[in-house]
Amino acid sequence: MCTVVVRWSAGSPVRVLALRDELTSRPFDDPARWWPEFPEAVGGRDRVAGGTWCATDVRSGATALVLNRPQGQAAEPGASSRGVLPLLAATYGAGWRARVQTEGMAAFLLVLATPERLVTWDVDGAAVQETEHAPGTVMVTSGGPEDRKAERHLTAFRAADPDDWPTLLRTGPPADDPGALVVRLERDGQVFATVFGEQLEASPGLLRLSHSREPWTARPWADLTLSSG
């Protein structure tokens, strides 16, 4: 996951727009209940490592997302996949830290958005920075040059109704520009690009989600509505 926009206020449904940037050759499945060990978790499934970039616990209305921190440490041999983090955070909230060994993982930013709080954990090796965010509209990215996205686009997201957020992605085809919302970079025969967009509204017991593999186009997004249980 490389770009996340969250709007929240205490007691209201959480609204999230998330864009996944990844190698186009890496296969994944659209959001569903893929994990028997997390029966209330809904998210897209990475077929390589089996985890996810964004998970919502339908029962609680909590959504968690993981973003790479490419400027931080690389993964050590045998380290756990970061794809488990959204599942743990959506299910256990701040208790996720007691359920996984993060030492040795590649650097990451973990976002937890609930009807009562928005918190992020910036983790690079043994260093953990926890930040509570005030109510409102917040954009987070993978850092470094990608922080230009907030400089360029956050004002528009704050001004728009969340239902209209997908229209803000229609700024043209994916660009070789880390400050663009949708990207496409070709390096050494590989293509790294925006491969998935999703928008969700989550409250305890109810998840409304729409998604697209070409979120920069005007084509309709697929809709999914799920209740707890």
Protein backbone atom coordinates (compact mmCIF):
# COMPACT_ATOMS: atom_id res chain seq x y z
CA MET A 1 0.00 0.00 0.00
CA CYS A 2 1.37 3.39 -0.91
CA THR A 3 -1.35 6.02 -0.45
CA VAL A 4 -4.09 6.14 2.19
CA VAL A 5 -6.69 8.84 2.83
CA VAL A 6 -8.79 8.59 6.00
CA ARG A 7 -11.65 10.75 7.21
CA TRP A 8 -12.88 10.09 10.71
CA SER A 9 -14.60 11.61 13.69
CA ALA A 10 -15.52 9.91 16.94
CA GLY A 11 -18.65 7.79 16.68
CA SER A 12 -19.02 8.14 12.89
CA PRO A 13 -18.30 5.55 10.19
CA VAL A 14 -14.68 5.55 9.05
CA ARG A 15 -14.10 6.52 5.41
CA VAL A 16 -10.96 5.28 3.67
CA LEU A 17 -9.52 5.54 0.16
CA ALA A 18 -6.47 3.35 -0.41
CA LEU A 19 -4.20 2.85 -3.43
CA ARG A 20 -1.90 -0.13 -3.74
CA ASP A 21 1.30 0.31 -5.74
CA GLU A 22 3.07 -2.96 -6.50
CA LEU A 23 4.88 -4.93 -9.18
CA THR A 24 2.32 -5.66 -11.88
CA SER A 25 3.59 -9.25 -12.05
CA ARG A 26 2.63 -9.97 -8.41
CA PRO A 27 -0.79 -11.71 -8.32
CA PHE A 28 -3.53 -10.89 -5.83
CA ASP A 29 -7.22 -11.53 -5.15
CA ASP A 30 -10.00 -8.98 -4.71
CA PRO A 31 -11.37 -8.32 -1.20
CA ALA A 32 -13.23 -11.13 0.55
CA ARG A 33 -13.10 -13.18 3.76
CA TRP A 34 -9.97 -15.13 2.85
CA TRP A 35 -8.59 -16.06 6.30
CA PRO A 36 -10.37 -18.68 8.44
CA GLU A 37 -8.23 -17.69 11.43
CA PHE A 38 -9.59 -14.14 11.09
CA PRO A 39 -13.28 -14.82 10.30
CA GLU A 40 -14.39 -11.18 10.52
CA ALA A 41 -11.51 -9.81 8.40
CA VAL A 42 -12.16 -8.68 4.83
CA GLY A 43 -9.42 -7.62 2.46
CA GLY A 44 -7.59 -8.25 -0.76
CA ARG A 45 -5.22 -11.22 -0.59
CA ASP A 46 -1.64 -11.24 -1.81
CA ARG A 47 -1.16 -14.64 -3.44
CA VAL A 48 2.60 -14.70 -2.90
CA ALA A 49 2.76 -14.27 0.89
CA GLY A 50 -0.91 -14.86 1.75
CA GLY A 51 -1.47 -11.63 3.67
CA THR A 52 -3.02 -8.31 2.76
CA TRP A 53 -2.35 -4.60 2.42
CA CYS A 54 -5.72 -3.55 3.91
CA ALA A 55 -8.08 -5.41 6.23
CA THR A 56 -11.36 -4.46 7.89
CA ASP A 57 -12.78 -6.29 10.88
CA VAL A 58 -16.49 -6.14 10.06
CA ARG A 59 -17.61 -6.73 13.62
CA SER A 60 -15.73 -3.76 15.12
CA GLY A 61 -15.53 -1.50 12.07
CA ALA A 62 -11.73 -1.24 12.45
CA THR A 63 -9.60 -0.95 9.32
CA ALA A 64 -5.82 -1.43 9.22
CA LEU A 65 -3.41 -0.80 6.35
CA VAL A 66 0.31 -1.33 5.92
CA LEU A 67 2.57 0.89 3.82
CA ASN A 68 6.12 0.10 2.80
CA ARG A 69 8.94 2.34 3.99
CA PRO A 70 11.50 1.77 1.21
CA GLN A 71 13.89 4.30 2.74
CA GLY A 72 14.10 2.15 5.90
CA GLN A 73 15.67 -1.20 6.67
CA ALA A 74 15.25 -4.18 4.36
CA ALA A 75 13.82 -7.47 5.60
CA GLU A 76 16.19 -9.90 7.28
CA PRO A 77 16.22 -13.57 6.21
CA GLY A 78 13.29 -15.46 7.75
CA ALA A 79 11.40 -12.34 8.84
CA SER A 80 7.60 -12.45 8.90
CA SER A 81 5.71 -10.93 5.99
CA ARG A 82 4.27 -7.48 6.66
CA GLY A 83 1.01 -8.73 5.12
CA VAL A 84 -0.04 -10.17 8.49
CA LEU A 85 0.00 -6.75 10.16
CA PRO A 86 -3.34 -5.38 8.87
CA LEU A 87 -5.07 -8.61 9.89
CA LEU A 88 -3.68 -8.42 13.41
CA ALA A 89 -4.32 -4.69 13.87
CA ALA A 90 -7.87 -4.82 12.51
CA THR A 91 -8.66 -7.77 14.77
CA TYR A 92 -6.78 -6.87 17.97
CA GLY A 93 -6.36 -3.09 17.72
CA ALA A 94 -3.28 -1.76 19.50
CA GLY A 95 -2.76 -5.28 20.84
CA TRP A 96 -1.26 -6.32 17.50
CA ARG A 97 2.21 -5.57 18.87
CA ALA A 98 2.01 -8.46 21.32
CA ARG A 99 1.14 -10.96 18.59
CA VAL A 100 3.96 -10.59 16.07
CA GLN A 101 7.73 -10.23 16.05
CA THR A 102 8.52 -7.07 14.09
CA GLU A 103 12.28 -7.17 14.56
CA GLY A 104 13.79 -8.18 11.24
CA MET A 105 10.79 -7.06 9.21
CA ALA A 106 11.31 -4.51 6.47
CA ALA A 107 10.39 -0.99 7.63
CA PHE A 108 6.68 -0.15 7.53
CA LEU A 109 3.97 2.28 8.51
CA LEU A 110 0.84 0.68 10.00
CA VAL A 111 -2.44 2.62 10.02
CA LEU A 112 -5.37 1.74 12.30
CA ALA A 113 -8.63 3.60 11.70
CA THR A 114 -11.61 2.91 13.97
CA PRO A 115 -14.82 4.78 14.81
CA GLU A 116 -13.00 6.07 17.93
CA ARG A 117 -9.40 6.74 16.90
CA LEU A 118 -6.86 7.03 14.11
CA VAL A 119 -3.35 5.92 15.03
CA THR A 120 -0.20 5.10 13.05
CA TRP A 121 2.93 3.17 13.95
CA ASP A 122 6.12 3.96 12.05
CA VAL A 123 8.43 0.97 12.57
CA ASP A 124 12.03 0.69 11.43
CA GLY A 125 13.94 -2.04 13.21
CA ALA A 126 13.70 -1.56 16.96
CA ALA A 127 12.45 2.03 16.59
CA VAL A 128 8.67 2.50 16.87
CA GLN A 129 6.98 5.89 16.57
CA GLU A 130 3.29 5.90 17.54
CA THR A 131 1.13 8.87 16.51
CA GLU A 132 -2.48 9.64 17.39
CA HIS A 133 -4.22 11.75 14.73
CA ALA A 134 -6.90 14.33 15.41
CA PRO A 135 -10.33 14.00 13.77
CA GLY A 136 -10.46 15.16 10.17
CA THR A 137 -9.00 14.04 6.85
CA VAL A 138 -5.49 12.59 6.89
CA MET A 139 -3.27 11.35 4.03
CA VAL A 140 -0.33 9.03 4.61
CA THR A 141 2.16 7.72 2.05
CA SER A 142 5.28 5.57 1.91
CA GLY A 143 7.42 8.60 2.70
CA GLY A 144 10.34 10.20 0.93
CA PRO A 145 9.42 11.59 -2.50
CA GLU A 146 5.90 10.20 -2.12
CA ASP A 147 5.16 12.80 0.55
CA ARG A 148 4.64 15.17 -2.39
CA LYS A 149 1.24 13.52 -2.78
CA ALA A 150 -0.04 15.15 0.40
CA GLU A 151 1.44 18.49 -0.65
CA ARG A 152 -0.35 18.32 -3.99
CA HIS A 153 -3.61 16.53 -3.24
CA LEU A 154 -4.63 16.62 0.44
CA THR A 155 -6.44 19.96 0.16
CA ALA A 156 -8.70 18.55 -2.56
CA PHE A 157 -9.50 15.45 -0.52
CA ARG A 158 -10.36 17.56 2.51
CA ALA A 159 -12.73 19.70 0.45
CA ALA A 160 -14.49 16.79 -1.29
CA ASP A 161 -17.23 14.50 -0.07
CA PRO A 162 -15.72 11.00 0.41
CA ASP A 163 -18.20 9.61 -2.10
CA ASP A 164 -16.46 11.77 -4.69
CA TRP A 165 -12.89 10.81 -3.79
CA PRO A 166 -12.50 8.35 -6.71
CA THR A 167 -13.08 11.18 -9.16
CA LEU A 168 -9.95 12.90 -7.81
CA LEU A 169 -7.90 10.01 -9.20
CA ARG A 170 -8.89 10.81 -12.78
CA THR A 171 -6.01 13.18 -13.46
CA GLY A 172 -4.74 11.25 -16.49
CA PRO A 173 -2.94 7.96 -17.06
CA PRO A 174 -0.54 6.62 -14.42
CA ALA A 175 2.63 8.70 -14.34
CA ASP A 176 6.32 8.09 -13.70
CA ASP A 177 6.16 10.59 -10.83
CA PRO A 178 6.27 9.66 -7.11
CA GLY A 179 4.03 12.64 -6.36
CA ALA A 180 1.22 11.37 -8.60
CA LEU A 181 -1.76 9.58 -7.07
CA VAL A 182 -1.57 6.79 -9.66
CA VAL A 183 1.85 5.73 -10.88
CA ARG A 184 3.62 3.53 -13.41
CA LEU A 185 7.40 3.09 -13.33
CA GLU A 186 9.40 0.76 -15.58
CA ARG A 187 12.82 -0.24 -14.27
CA ASP A 188 15.12 -3.07 -15.40
CA GLY A 189 12.34 -4.85 -17.27
CA GLN A 190 9.88 -4.70 -14.36
CA VAL A 191 6.78 -2.54 -14.00
CA PHE A 192 5.82 -1.05 -10.64
CA ALA A 193 2.42 0.63 -10.77
CA THR A 194 -0.88 1.41 -9.09
CA VAL A 195 -2.60 -1.96 -9.35
CA PHE A 196 -5.60 -1.51 -7.07
CA GLY A 197 -7.82 1.14 -5.52
CA GLU A 198 -10.43 0.66 -2.84
CA GLN A 199 -12.83 2.88 -0.97
CA LEU A 200 -14.67 1.82 2.15
CA GLU A 201 -17.08 2.96 4.80
CA ALA A 202 -16.88 0.94 8.01
CA SER A 203 -18.94 0.99 11.18
CA PRO A 204 -19.43 -1.75 13.78
CA GLY A 205 -21.20 -4.63 12.06
CA LEU A 206 -21.31 -3.17 8.55
CA LEU A 207 -18.75 -2.70 5.76
CA ARG A 208 -19.42 -1.02 2.42
CA LEU A 209 -16.52 -1.40 0.02
CA SER A 210 -15.88 -0.61 -3.63
CA HIS A 211 -12.76 -1.43 -5.61
CA SER A 212 -11.09 -1.21 -9.00
CA ARG A 213 -7.92 -2.48 -10.67
CA GLU A 214 -7.90 0.66 -12.85
CA PRO A 215 -8.94 3.36 -10.37
CA TRP A 216 -7.80 6.24 -12.60
CA THR A 217 -10.51 5.46 -15.19
CA ALA A 218 -14.21 6.32 -15.19
CA ARG A 219 -15.20 2.64 -15.29
CA PRO A 220 -17.56 1.62 -12.44
CA TRP A 221 -15.96 0.18 -9.33
CA ALA A 222 -17.16 -3.21 -8.01
CA ASP A 223 -19.28 -2.94 -4.89
CA LEU A 224 -19.32 -5.20 -1.85
CA THR A 225 -21.50 -4.93 1.28
CA LEU A 226 -20.88 -7.24 4.23
CA SER A 227 -22.35 -7.52 7.71
CA SER A 228 -20.95 -9.19 10.81
CA GLY A 229 -21.53 -12.84 11.45
